[in-house]
Each structure stands twice: as structure tokens, then as C-alpha cells.
C-alpha atoms as a PDB file:
ATOM      1  CA  MET A   1     146.444  72.684  52.862  1.00  0.00           C
ATOM      2  CA  ARG A   2     144.143  70.110  51.418  1.00  0.00           C
ATOM      3  CA  VAL A   3     141.206  71.600  49.508  1.00  0.00           C
ATOM      4  CA  ASP A   4     137.921  69.738  48.947  1.00  0.00           C
ATOM      5  CA  TRP A   5     134.668  71.049  47.530  1.00  0.00           C
ATOM      6  CA  LEU A   6     131.733  69.912  49.634  1.00  0.00           C
ATOM      7  CA  GLN A   7     129.335  71.859  47.410  1.00  0.00           C
ATOM      8  CA  ARG A   8     130.040  73.764  44.205  1.00  0.00           C
ATOM      9  CA  ARG A   9     127.030  75.092  42.290  1.00  0.00           C
ATOM     10  CA  GLY A  10     128.291  78.392  40.932  1.00  0.00           C
ATOM     11  CA  SER A  11     126.919  80.512  43.771  1.00  0.00           C
ATOM     12  CA  ASP A  12     128.059  84.092  44.367  1.00  0.00           C
ATOM     13  CA  ASP A  13     128.598  83.147  48.033  1.00  0.00           C
ATOM     14  CA  LEU A  14     131.377  80.976  49.415  1.00  0.00           C
ATOM     15  CA  ILE A  15     131.657  79.333  52.817  1.00  0.00           C
ATOM     16  CA  LEU A  16     135.310  78.616  53.552  1.00  0.00           C
ATOM     17  CA  PHE A  17     135.333  75.882  56.192  1.00  0.00           C
ATOM     18  CA  PHE A  18     138.535  75.342  58.180  1.00  0.00           C
ATOM     19  CA  ALA A  19     138.093  71.760  59.353  1.00  0.00           C
ATOM     20  CA  GLY A  20     139.192  70.186  62.604  1.00  0.00           C
ATOM     21  CA  TRP A  21     142.180  67.864  62.965  1.00  0.00           C
ATOM     22  CA  ALA A  22     141.745  64.278  61.737  1.00  0.00           C
ATOM     23  CA  VAL A  23     137.967  64.360  61.145  1.00  0.00           C
ATOM     24  CA  GLY A  24     137.683  65.611  57.567  1.00  0.00           C
ATOM     25  CA  MET A  25     134.271  66.513  56.162  1.00  0.00           C
ATOM     26  CA  ASP A  26     132.139  63.948  57.966  1.00  0.00           C
ATOM     27  CA  PRO A  27     130.799  66.303  60.682  1.00  0.00           C
ATOM     28  CA  ILE A  28     129.400  68.747  58.094  1.00  0.00           C
ATOM     29  CA  ARG A  29     128.339  66.572  55.132  1.00  0.00           C
ATOM     30  CA  HIS A  30     124.645  66.837  56.020  1.00  0.00           C
ATOM     31  CA  LEU A  31     124.488  70.643  56.137  1.00  0.00           C
ATOM     32  CA  GLN A  32     122.340  72.322  53.467  1.00  0.00           C
ATOM     33  CA  GLY A  33     122.484  75.781  51.941  1.00  0.00           C
ATOM     34  CA  ALA A  34     122.770  77.758  48.722  1.00  0.00           C
ATOM     35  CA  ALA A  35     126.417  78.826  49.095  1.00  0.00           C
ATOM     36  CA  ASP A  36     129.355  76.945  47.641  1.00  0.00           C
ATOM     37  CA  VAL A  37     131.319  75.226  50.419  1.00  0.00           C
ATOM     38  CA  LEU A  38     135.084  74.727  50.266  1.00  0.00           C
ATOM     39  CA  VAL A  39     136.673  72.611  53.008  1.00  0.00           C
ATOM     40  CA  LEU A  40     140.280  73.143  54.096  1.00  0.00           C
ATOM     41  CA  SER A  41     142.222  70.572  56.104  1.00  0.00           C
ATOM     42  CA  ASP A  42     145.727  69.110  56.594  1.00  0.00           C
ATOM     43  CA  TYR A  43     147.512  72.092  58.072  1.00  0.00           C
ATOM     44  CA  ARG A  44     151.059  70.797  57.652  1.00  0.00           C
ATOM     45  CA  ASP A  45     151.208  73.585  55.072  1.00  0.00           C
ATOM     46  CA  GLU A  46     149.036  76.670  55.548  1.00  0.00           C
ATOM     47  CA  THR A  47     149.361  78.032  52.018  1.00  0.00           C
ATOM     48  CA  LEU A  48     146.003  79.377  50.875  1.00  0.00           C
ATOM     49  CA  PRO A  49     145.847  80.637  47.257  1.00  0.00           C
ATOM     50  CA  GLU A  50     143.669  83.722  46.799  1.00  0.00           C
ATOM     51  CA  ALA A  51     142.300  82.271  43.569  1.00  0.00           C
ATOM     52  CA  LEU A  52     140.122  79.959  45.667  1.00  0.00           C
ATOM     53  CA  TRP A  53     137.924  82.747  47.061  1.00  0.00           C
ATOM     54  CA  ALA A  54     138.594  85.712  44.749  1.00  0.00           C
ATOM     55  CA  PRO A  55     135.721  84.986  42.301  1.00  0.00           C
ATOM     56  CA  TYR A  56     133.067  85.207  45.026  1.00  0.00           C
ATOM     57  CA  ARG A  57     131.060  88.284  45.977  1.00  0.00           C
ATOM     58  CA  ARG A  58     130.550  87.220  49.584  1.00  0.00           C
ATOM     59  CA  LEU A  59     132.894  85.177  51.762  1.00  0.00           C
ATOM     60  CA  THR A  60     131.954  83.556  55.058  1.00  0.00           C
ATOM     61  CA  VAL A  61     134.588  81.794  57.149  1.00  0.00           C
ATOM     62  CA  VAL A  62     133.510  78.973  59.465  1.00  0.00           C
ATOM     63  CA  ALA A  63     136.361  77.521  61.516  1.00  0.00           C
ATOM     64  CA  TYR A  64     136.161  74.428  63.686  1.00  0.00           C
ATOM     65  CA  SER A  65     138.450  73.075  66.394  1.00  0.00           C
ATOM     66  CA  MET A  66     142.101  73.258  65.253  1.00  0.00           C
ATOM     67  CA  GLY A  67     140.910  75.089  62.172  1.00  0.00           C
ATOM     68  CA  VAL A  68     140.116  78.116  64.350  1.00  0.00           C
ATOM     69  CA  ALA A  69     143.825  78.831  64.891  1.00  0.00           C
ATOM     70  CA  VAL A  70     144.564  78.488  61.182  1.00  0.00           C
ATOM     71  CA  ALA A  71     141.643  80.705  60.199  1.00  0.00           C
ATOM     72  CA  ALA A  72     142.731  83.291  62.754  1.00  0.00           C
ATOM     73  CA  ARG A  73     146.097  83.599  61.016  1.00  0.00           C
ATOM     74  CA  HIS A  74     144.392  84.071  57.626  1.00  0.00           C
ATOM     75  CA  LEU A  75     141.453  86.328  58.529  1.00  0.00           C
ATOM     76  CA  PRO A  76     143.244  89.656  57.974  1.00  0.00           C
ATOM     77  CA  ARG A  77     144.072  88.587  54.415  1.00  0.00           C
ATOM     78  CA  LEU A  78     140.713  86.974  53.690  1.00  0.00           C
ATOM     79  CA  ARG A  79     138.649  90.060  54.573  1.00  0.00           C
ATOM     80  CA  ALA A  80     135.613  87.836  55.113  1.00  0.00           C
ATOM     81  CA  ASP A  81     132.132  89.311  55.364  1.00  0.00           C
ATOM     82  CA  ARG A  82     131.517  87.134  58.423  1.00  0.00           C
ATOM     83  CA  ALA A  83     133.604  84.722  60.470  1.00  0.00           C
ATOM     84  CA  VAL A  84     132.432  82.085  62.957  1.00  0.00           C
ATOM     85  CA  ALA A  85     134.619  80.075  65.359  1.00  0.00           C
ATOM     86  CA  ILE A  86     133.347  76.739  66.689  1.00  0.00           C
ATOM     87  CA  CYS A  87     134.899  74.781  69.583  1.00  0.00           C
ATOM     88  CA  GLY A  88     138.411  76.115  69.087  1.00  0.00           C
ATOM     89  CA  ALA A  89     140.853  78.862  70.011  1.00  0.00           C
ATOM     90  CA  PRO A  90     143.632  80.980  68.501  1.00  0.00           C
ATOM     91  CA  ASP A  91     146.190  79.015  70.571  1.00  0.00           C
ATOM     92  CA  PRO A  92     144.937  75.417  70.721  1.00  0.00           C
ATOM     93  CA  ARG A  93     148.015  73.949  72.442  1.00  0.00           C
ATOM     94  CA  ALA A  94     147.572  76.335  75.372  1.00  0.00           C
ATOM     95  CA  VAL A  95     143.870  75.503  75.754  1.00  0.00           C
ATOM     96  CA  ILE A  96     144.200  71.753  75.296  1.00  0.00           C
ATOM     97  CA  GLY A  97     147.209  71.785  77.617  1.00  0.00           C
ATOM     98  CA  PRO A  98     150.837  71.374  76.491  1.00  0.00           C
ATOM     99  CA  ALA A  99     151.244  68.003  78.236  1.00  0.00           C
ATOM    100  CA  VAL A 100     148.114  66.557  76.592  1.00  0.00           C
ATOM    101  CA  TYR A 101     148.918  68.089  73.205  1.00  0.00           C
ATOM    102  CA  ASP A 102     152.531  66.899  73.153  1.00  0.00           C
ATOM    103  CA  GLY A 103     151.539  63.510  74.547  1.00  0.00           C
ATOM    104  CA  THR A 104     149.034  63.096  71.717  1.00  0.00           C
ATOM    105  CA  ILE A 105     151.830  63.586  69.195  1.00  0.00           C
ATOM    106  CA  ALA A 106     154.250  61.264  70.986  1.00  0.00           C
ATOM    107  CA  GLY A 107     151.746  58.447  71.474  1.00  0.00           C
ATOM    108  CA  LEU A 108     149.664  58.742  68.320  1.00  0.00           C
ATOM    109  CA  SER A 109     148.528  55.349  67.050  1.00  0.00           C
ATOM    110  CA  PRO A 110     145.380  53.858  65.505  1.00  0.00           C
ATOM    111  CA  ARG A 111     144.187  53.035  69.011  1.00  0.00           C
ATOM    112  CA  SER A 112     144.807  56.520  70.452  1.00  0.00           C
ATOM    113  CA  LEU A 113     143.226  58.090  67.356  1.00  0.00           C
ATOM    114  CA  ALA A 114     140.104  56.000  67.919  1.00  0.00           C
ATOM    115  CA  GLN A 115     140.077  57.185  71.529  1.00  0.00           C
ATOM    116  CA  PHE A 116     140.344  60.793  70.347  1.00  0.00           C
ATOM    117  CA  ALA A 117     137.417  60.206  67.986  1.00  0.00           C
ATOM    118  CA  ARG A 118     135.247  58.955  70.855  1.00  0.00           C
ATOM    119  CA  ARG A 119     136.157  61.955  73.002  1.00  0.00           C
ATOM    120  CA  ALA A 120     135.523  64.345  70.126  1.00  0.00           C
ATOM    121  CA  GLY A 121     132.230  62.703  69.174  1.00  0.00           C
ATOM    122  CA  SER A 122     133.363  62.474  65.567  1.00  0.00           C
ATOM    123  CA  PRO A 123     134.406  59.533  63.409  1.00  0.00           C
ATOM    124  CA  VAL A 124     137.895  59.520  61.911  1.00  0.00           C
ATOM    125  CA  PRO A 125     138.102  58.659  58.203  1.00  0.00           C
ATOM    126  CA  PRO A 126     139.271  55.051  57.709  1.00  0.00           C
ATOM    127  CA  GLU A 127     142.169  56.175  55.505  1.00  0.00           C
ATOM    128  CA  ALA A 128     143.698  58.324  58.282  1.00  0.00           C
ATOM    129  CA  ASP A 129     147.497  58.581  57.958  1.00  0.00           C
ATOM    130  CA  ILE A 130     148.952  58.455  61.479  1.00  0.00           C
ATOM    131  CA  ALA A 131     152.355  59.883  60.534  1.00  0.00           C
ATOM    132  CA  ALA A 132     150.758  62.756  58.603  1.00  0.00           C
ATOM    133  CA  LEU A 133     148.400  63.559  61.482  1.00  0.00           C
ATOM    134  CA  ALA A 134     151.292  63.661  63.964  1.00  0.00           C
ATOM    135  CA  ALA A 135     153.255  65.921  61.602  1.00  0.00           C
ATOM    136  CA  GLU A 136     150.219  68.192  61.317  1.00  0.00           C
ATOM    137  CA  LEU A 137     150.005  68.617  65.096  1.00  0.00           C
ATOM    138  CA  GLN A 138     153.749  69.341  65.229  1.00  0.00           C
ATOM    139  CA  ALA A 139     153.441  71.931  62.463  1.00  0.00           C
ATOM    140  CA  LEU A 140     150.531  73.650  64.200  1.00  0.00           C
ATOM    141  CA  ALA A 141     152.441  73.784  67.488  1.00  0.00           C
ATOM    142  CA  SER A 142     155.501  75.284  65.773  1.00  0.00           C
ATOM    143  CA  ARG A 143     153.608  78.303  64.459  1.00  0.00           C
ATOM    144  CA  PRO A 144     153.024  81.408  66.550  1.00  0.00           C
ATOM    145  CA  ALA A 145     149.645  81.667  68.212  1.00  0.00           C
ATOM    146  CA  ALA A 146     147.311  83.953  66.337  1.00  0.00           C
ATOM    147  CA  PRO A 147     145.975  87.038  68.083  1.00  0.00           C
ATOM    148  CA  ALA A 148     142.310  86.692  69.011  1.00  0.00           C
ATOM    149  CA  PRO A 149     140.744  88.027  65.811  1.00  0.00           C
ATOM    150  CA  ALA A 150     137.328  89.541  65.298  1.00  0.00           C
ATOM    151  CA  PHE A 151     135.157  86.489  64.805  1.00  0.00           C
ATOM    152  CA  ALA A 152     131.567  87.704  64.594  1.00  0.00           C
ATOM    153  CA  ARG A 153     130.371  84.617  66.446  1.00  0.00           C
ATOM    154  CA  ILE A 154     132.158  82.251  68.815  1.00  0.00           C
ATOM    155  CA  LEU A 155     130.466  78.961  69.690  1.00  0.00           C
ATOM    156  CA  ALA A 156     131.719  76.527  72.324  1.00  0.00           C
ATOM    157  CA  ALA A 157     130.429  73.322  73.909  1.00  0.00           C
ATOM    158  CA  ARG A 158     129.855  72.854  77.637  1.00  0.00           C
ATOM    159  CA  GLU A 159     130.857  69.162  77.563  1.00  0.00           C
ATOM    160  CA  ASP A 160     133.837  69.576  75.224  1.00  0.00           C
ATOM    161  CA  ARG A 161     136.526  67.020  76.142  1.00  0.00           C
ATOM    162  CA  ILE A 162     139.063  68.335  73.617  1.00  0.00           C
ATOM    163  CA  PHE A 163     138.967  72.086  74.345  1.00  0.00           C
ATOM    164  CA  PRO A 164     137.987  72.176  78.048  1.00  0.00           C
ATOM    165  CA  PRO A 165     135.509  75.011  78.687  1.00  0.00           C
ATOM    166  CA  ALA A 166     137.392  76.325  81.724  1.00  0.00           C
ATOM    167  CA  ALA A 167     140.525  76.790  79.617  1.00  0.00           C
ATOM    168  CA  LEU A 168     138.717  77.915  76.477  1.00  0.00           C
ATOM    169  CA  GLU A 169     136.935  80.915  77.953  1.00  0.00           C
ATOM    170  CA  PRO A 170     140.143  82.825  78.896  1.00  0.00           C
ATOM    171  CA  ALA A 171     141.451  82.247  75.353  1.00  0.00           C
ATOM    172  CA  TRP A 172     138.841  84.729  74.094  1.00  0.00           C
ATOM    173  CA  PRO A 173     139.388  87.814  76.307  1.00  0.00           C
ATOM    174  CA  GLY A 174     136.578  90.320  76.078  1.00  0.00           C
ATOM    175  CA  ALA A 175     134.651  88.248  73.530  1.00  0.00           C
ATOM    176  CA  ARG A 176     131.144  86.895  73.916  1.00  0.00           C
ATOM    177  CA  ILE A 177     130.973  83.109  73.718  1.00  0.00           C
ATOM    178  CA  ASP A 178     127.699  81.361  72.889  1.00  0.00           C
ATOM    179  CA  TRP A 179     127.715  78.140  74.911  1.00  0.00           C
ATOM    180  CA  LEU A 180     126.048  75.037  73.493  1.00  0.00           C
ATOM    181  CA  ASP A 181     125.028  71.899  75.336  1.00  0.00           C
ATOM    182  CA  GLY A 182     126.908  68.879  74.037  1.00  0.00           C
ATOM    183  CA  ASN A 183     130.364  67.700  73.079  1.00  0.00           C
ATOM    184  CA  HIS A 184     133.183  68.829  70.790  1.00  0.00           C
ATOM    185  CA  ASN A 185     131.188  68.008  67.647  1.00  0.00           C
ATOM    186  CA  PRO A 186     128.061  70.207  67.722  1.00  0.00           C
ATOM    187  CA  PHE A 187     127.146  69.928  64.037  1.00  0.00           C
ATOM    188  CA  GLY A 188     124.389  67.365  64.519  1.00  0.00           C
ATOM    189  CA  ARG A 189     122.143  70.072  65.994  1.00  0.00           C
ATOM    190  CA  TRP A 190     122.148  72.035  62.726  1.00  0.00           C
ATOM    191  CA  HIS A 191     120.611  71.287  59.330  1.00  0.00           C
ATOM    192  CA  ASP A 192     121.554  74.414  57.389  1.00  0.00           C
ATOM    193  CA  TRP A 193     124.676  76.580  57.231  1.00  0.00           C
ATOM    194  CA  GLN A 194     122.521  79.622  57.969  1.00  0.00           C
ATOM    195  CA  GLU A 195     121.923  78.291  61.498  1.00  0.00           C
ATOM    196  CA  ILE A 196     125.676  78.527  62.094  1.00  0.00           C
ATOM    197  CA  THR A 197     126.534  81.735  60.298  1.00  0.00           C
ATOM    198  CA  GLY A 198     123.514  83.710  61.531  1.00  0.00           C
END
């Protein structure tokens, strides 16, 4: 995984943010808060060294989009104090739809990536590596779906064009989903991490 510090001030609290595919840190750059914030992305490799979170007294996991599936596989080991899932599912390929998911890999290009960005409501970093992004989707699809873990809060968007609401709801059996108005990128409604983590 790629590891980037969004905020590092020596706090006792850490927010471990599992980012969405292709979008990097842009959706969350504006969020304020006292906790240190470590952003994980590029899931071609899901290795997550314990040294990253071990020094902290309190760990909060916030997972977004494709990052929800990755976080779900790591939650038992992380033993987070709180975990929040946003616009994602433990088995993203099933929710997005295998034909759409596999077609995205097969036809990925700068043009199709720009189309994805419009549908997601999120800009794609200009340095996006098309081959690496396709390999990331392939790697994610090759891993077993995570069981639906105990996220304390699950947020989803009613107008999500990446994770369709009708398919997303059954992916969280027995769980309460807090539905938000808006698209796949809901972060513009928040100013502080506390609004997300509760």
C-alpha cells in the first residue's frame, strides 16, 4: 500500500483513512481535526505494517469506496476503537456489477478514467498511472471478499453512480445504513473529521 501523511502533529489519536480507487487525498484535504491522519491507497499490495498505528492510544478507521473492502480485511488485526465505512462494501465487484467492474479494467484509458471521475464526483490526480490503476482493480478482484465486519457507522449516498444504492444495501445484511443525499463523493458536506466519526 501507499502511505501518505495528511496530518502529523504528534497526536495520541490516529485516523487511518483507506482511500478510494484513483482519487488519492483530494476528497479529504479540507477536513480539520486534532488527530493525526494517515492515508492508505494503491491496493495492489495490501501489506500494512503495525508500526504505523502501534504508537497511538486511539485508532479510528475511516474507509471510503474501494477502501472499505481493504479495511474490512484488516479490521480484525487493527482492533480499532471505531470504524466508519463510506460509500463502499466488503465485496465491491459484486455491488458495482461484475460486467461493469471487469469492463472498467479492460477499457481503462485516460478518457474512461475522466468519465469515472465525473461519475464519482471526484477529480483524479493528474499523475494517474493507467496501468497501475488497472492492476489495482485486478488485484482487488482476485482477493476473497471480506465478511461484513462490525463498522460502527455505515454511510452511503442516494445518488451514488459507482456503488448503486439498490445493490449496496444487500451487501450490508442486518446493518443500519445512514443514507446521505448526493453522489459517490460526500466529503464536501463535512468540515471536520468528527462529523464523520461521530
